[in-house]
Amino acid sequence: MKSRCFWVSDSKLYQEYHDNEWGQPVYDDETLFEFLVLETFQAGLSWITILNKRENFRKAFNNFDYEKIAKYTESKYLSLLQDAGIIRNKLKIKSVIANAQLFMQVQEEFGSFSKFIWSYVEGKPIINKFHKREEVPATTELSDKISKDLKKRGFKFVGSTVIYAYMQAVGMVNDHTTECYKYPK
């Protein structure tokens, strides 16, 4: 049996996410936006809840197409509030629409969201060397800095904890613990 990070349960979905996505560097804007949406909805909930609803989110939010989401009307917003397949939080749904618009502004300014977000780590993942659960932080000075920058730009639901989880998900930091088979040797 493979030795995985402490947070991975017996759930096949969780194991597949851990083994194939979590901590893998993501440089394409489409996937970076998808994780921004998913982390927004995860705030205050468990990640497995979000993973279980991921395909529902994909369907509800036009395959995470930020250009389409940025143009959502009030009627689309109201229909999302009725969608039992997703988390029906008014503020989070509104923030996804606003964040899509802001995401495109960042693309315009930097050429891509990827260039902007990865510039914080000079384009390469930070490889941490954590052995135990207690060592893995919920926030860092860097997640504080990115969070402040995004908030200044108008992004919502981008607190430091959300941003650190985002950094882990998109591989900006590699927090696979040292006993995990995914830890870079």
Protein backbone atom coordinates (compact mmCIF):
# COMPACT_ATOMS: atom_id res chain seq x y z
CA MET A 1 0.00 0.00 0.00
CA LYS A 2 1.24 3.49 -0.87
CA SER A 3 2.13 5.80 1.99
CA ARG A 4 0.22 9.07 1.48
CA CYS A 5 -0.08 12.42 3.26
CA PHE A 6 -1.89 12.37 6.61
CA TRP A 7 -5.02 14.12 5.30
CA VAL A 8 -5.89 11.52 2.65
CA SER A 9 -8.79 9.29 3.69
CA ASP A 10 -9.90 5.92 2.31
CA SER A 11 -12.00 7.76 -0.28
CA LYS A 12 -10.98 6.74 -3.81
CA LEU A 13 -11.78 10.29 -4.97
CA TYR A 14 -9.50 11.79 -2.31
CA GLN A 15 -6.70 9.36 -3.15
CA GLU A 16 -6.94 10.09 -6.88
CA TYR A 17 -6.91 13.84 -6.20
CA HIS A 18 -3.87 13.49 -3.94
CA ASP A 19 -2.02 11.17 -6.32
CA ASN A 20 -2.73 13.01 -9.58
CA GLU A 21 -3.39 16.69 -8.84
CA TRP A 22 -2.51 18.05 -5.40
CA GLY A 23 0.88 19.70 -5.39
CA GLN A 24 1.41 19.28 -9.14
CA PRO A 25 2.50 22.61 -10.66
CA VAL A 26 -0.33 24.16 -12.69
CA TYR A 27 0.58 26.91 -15.16
CA ASP A 28 -2.51 27.16 -17.36
CA ASP A 29 -4.98 29.92 -16.54
CA GLU A 30 -8.05 27.72 -17.01
CA THR A 31 -7.02 25.27 -14.28
CA LEU A 32 -5.72 28.08 -12.06
CA PHE A 33 -9.15 29.68 -12.25
CA GLU A 34 -10.91 26.38 -11.55
CA PHE A 35 -8.93 25.97 -8.34
CA LEU A 36 -9.64 29.57 -7.37
CA VAL A 37 -13.36 28.79 -7.66
CA LEU A 38 -13.08 25.50 -5.77
CA GLU A 39 -10.99 27.02 -2.97
CA THR A 40 -13.50 29.88 -2.68
CA PHE A 41 -16.30 27.40 -2.05
CA GLN A 42 -14.14 25.29 0.24
CA ALA A 43 -13.71 28.13 2.75
CA GLY A 44 -15.27 26.85 5.97
CA LEU A 45 -16.01 23.38 4.55
CA SER A 46 -14.06 20.16 4.05
CA TRP A 47 -12.19 19.61 0.80
CA ILE A 48 -13.88 16.25 0.27
CA THR A 49 -17.24 18.07 0.18
CA ILE A 50 -15.92 20.18 -2.69
CA LEU A 51 -14.36 17.22 -4.50
CA ASN A 52 -17.67 15.35 -4.30
CA LYS A 53 -19.42 18.33 -5.92
CA ARG A 54 -16.63 19.23 -8.38
CA GLU A 55 -18.46 17.96 -11.48
CA ASN A 56 -21.61 19.81 -10.38
CA PHE A 57 -19.55 22.99 -10.07
CA ARG A 58 -18.05 22.33 -13.50
CA LYS A 59 -21.52 22.03 -15.03
CA ALA A 60 -23.01 24.98 -13.12
CA PHE A 61 -20.09 27.31 -13.93
CA ASN A 62 -19.70 26.60 -17.66
CA ASN A 63 -16.68 24.34 -17.24
CA PHE A 64 -15.02 27.10 -15.16
CA ASP A 65 -14.84 29.35 -18.23
CA TYR A 66 -13.97 32.69 -16.62
CA GLU A 67 -14.86 34.66 -19.77
CA LYS A 68 -18.43 33.31 -19.66
CA ILE A 69 -18.66 33.60 -15.86
CA ALA A 70 -17.55 37.26 -16.01
CA LYS A 71 -20.65 37.97 -18.11
CA TYR A 72 -23.17 36.20 -15.88
CA THR A 73 -26.43 38.08 -15.54
CA GLU A 74 -28.65 38.44 -12.49
CA SER A 75 -30.87 35.64 -13.81
CA LYS A 76 -27.87 33.28 -14.10
CA TYR A 77 -26.84 34.22 -10.54
CA LEU A 78 -30.38 33.47 -9.32
CA SER A 79 -30.38 30.12 -11.13
CA LEU A 80 -27.09 29.21 -9.42
CA LEU A 81 -28.73 29.92 -6.06
CA GLN A 82 -31.30 27.24 -6.93
CA ASP A 83 -28.71 24.64 -8.00
CA ALA A 84 -28.74 21.95 -5.31
CA GLY A 85 -25.62 20.36 -6.82
CA ILE A 86 -23.35 23.18 -5.65
CA ILE A 87 -22.83 25.15 -2.43
CA ARG A 88 -25.60 27.77 -2.60
CA ASN A 89 -23.85 30.58 -0.78
CA LYS A 90 -24.90 34.00 -2.12
CA LEU A 91 -21.62 35.73 -1.31
CA LYS A 92 -19.45 32.95 -2.70
CA ILE A 93 -21.42 32.78 -5.96
CA LYS A 94 -21.25 36.56 -6.36
CA SER A 95 -17.52 36.46 -5.62
CA VAL A 96 -16.90 33.88 -8.37
CA ILE A 97 -18.51 36.22 -10.90
CA ALA A 98 -16.57 39.25 -9.67
CA ASN A 99 -13.32 37.25 -9.39
CA ALA A 100 -13.72 36.10 -13.03
CA GLN A 101 -13.79 39.75 -14.10
CA LEU A 102 -10.78 40.58 -11.94
CA PHE A 103 -8.94 37.46 -13.15
CA MET A 104 -9.18 38.83 -16.70
CA GLN A 105 -7.91 42.22 -15.54
CA VAL A 106 -4.85 40.51 -14.07
CA GLN A 107 -4.38 38.63 -17.37
CA GLU A 108 -4.49 41.93 -19.23
CA GLU A 109 -1.95 43.51 -16.89
CA PHE A 110 0.52 40.58 -16.72
CA GLY A 111 -0.14 38.63 -19.93
CA SER A 112 -1.61 35.74 -17.95
CA PHE A 113 -2.81 35.02 -14.44
CA SER A 114 -0.16 32.30 -14.34
CA LYS A 115 2.67 34.82 -14.83
CA PHE A 116 1.21 36.95 -12.05
CA ILE A 117 0.65 34.21 -9.46
CA TRP A 118 3.83 32.23 -10.19
CA SER A 119 5.96 35.39 -9.98
CA TYR A 120 5.56 35.12 -6.20
CA VAL A 121 7.68 31.95 -6.23
CA GLU A 122 9.86 32.87 -9.23
CA GLY A 123 8.06 30.29 -11.37
CA LYS A 124 9.19 27.27 -9.32
CA PRO A 125 7.45 25.38 -6.52
CA ILE A 126 8.66 25.80 -2.97
CA ILE A 127 9.50 22.29 -1.74
CA ASN A 128 8.80 22.06 1.97
CA LYS A 129 10.14 19.28 4.16
CA PHE A 130 7.36 18.58 6.63
CA HIS A 131 7.36 15.32 8.54
CA LYS A 132 4.19 15.61 10.64
CA ARG A 133 0.71 17.15 10.38
CA GLU A 134 1.58 19.74 13.05
CA GLU A 135 4.38 21.17 10.90
CA VAL A 136 2.17 22.01 7.90
CA PRO A 137 1.03 25.64 8.22
CA ALA A 138 -2.42 27.00 7.41
CA THR A 139 -0.88 30.30 6.31
CA THR A 140 2.58 31.73 5.64
CA GLU A 141 4.04 35.20 5.17
CA LEU A 142 3.85 34.55 1.42
CA SER A 143 0.16 33.56 1.50
CA ASP A 144 -0.47 36.70 3.58
CA LYS A 145 1.27 38.80 0.92
CA ILE A 146 -0.60 37.22 -2.02
CA SER A 147 -3.90 37.49 -0.15
CA LYS A 148 -3.33 41.21 0.51
CA ASP A 149 -2.44 41.82 -3.13
CA LEU A 150 -5.53 39.98 -4.43
CA LYS A 151 -7.80 41.79 -1.94
CA LYS A 152 -6.31 45.13 -3.00
CA ARG A 153 -7.27 44.19 -6.58
CA GLY A 154 -10.84 43.52 -5.40
CA PHE A 155 -10.85 39.69 -5.20
CA LYS A 156 -13.15 38.15 -2.59
CA PHE A 157 -12.77 34.98 -0.49
CA VAL A 158 -9.00 35.11 -0.85
CA GLY A 159 -7.94 35.18 2.79
CA SER A 160 -4.50 33.86 3.65
CA THR A 161 -5.78 30.37 4.59
CA VAL A 162 -7.66 30.04 1.28
CA ILE A 163 -4.60 31.27 -0.61
CA TYR A 164 -2.26 28.84 1.14
CA ALA A 165 -4.60 25.95 0.29
CA TYR A 166 -4.67 27.29 -3.29
CA MET A 167 -0.86 27.41 -3.39
CA GLN A 168 -0.77 23.77 -2.24
CA ALA A 169 -3.43 22.68 -4.75
CA VAL A 170 -1.75 24.30 -7.77
CA GLY A 171 1.75 23.22 -6.75
CA MET A 172 3.22 26.61 -5.88
CA VAL A 173 4.22 24.88 -2.66
CA ASN A 174 4.82 21.16 -2.43
CA ASP A 175 3.58 20.11 0.98
CA HIS A 176 3.59 16.35 0.47
CA THR A 177 5.02 15.14 3.78
CA THR A 178 8.34 13.31 3.76
CA GLU A 179 6.77 9.87 4.35
CA CYS A 180 4.41 10.33 1.36
CA TYR A 181 5.33 8.48 -1.81
CA LYS A 182 4.73 11.76 -3.74
CA TYR A 183 7.40 13.64 -1.77
CA PRO A 184 10.20 14.57 -4.21
CA LYS A 185 13.21 12.42 -3.42
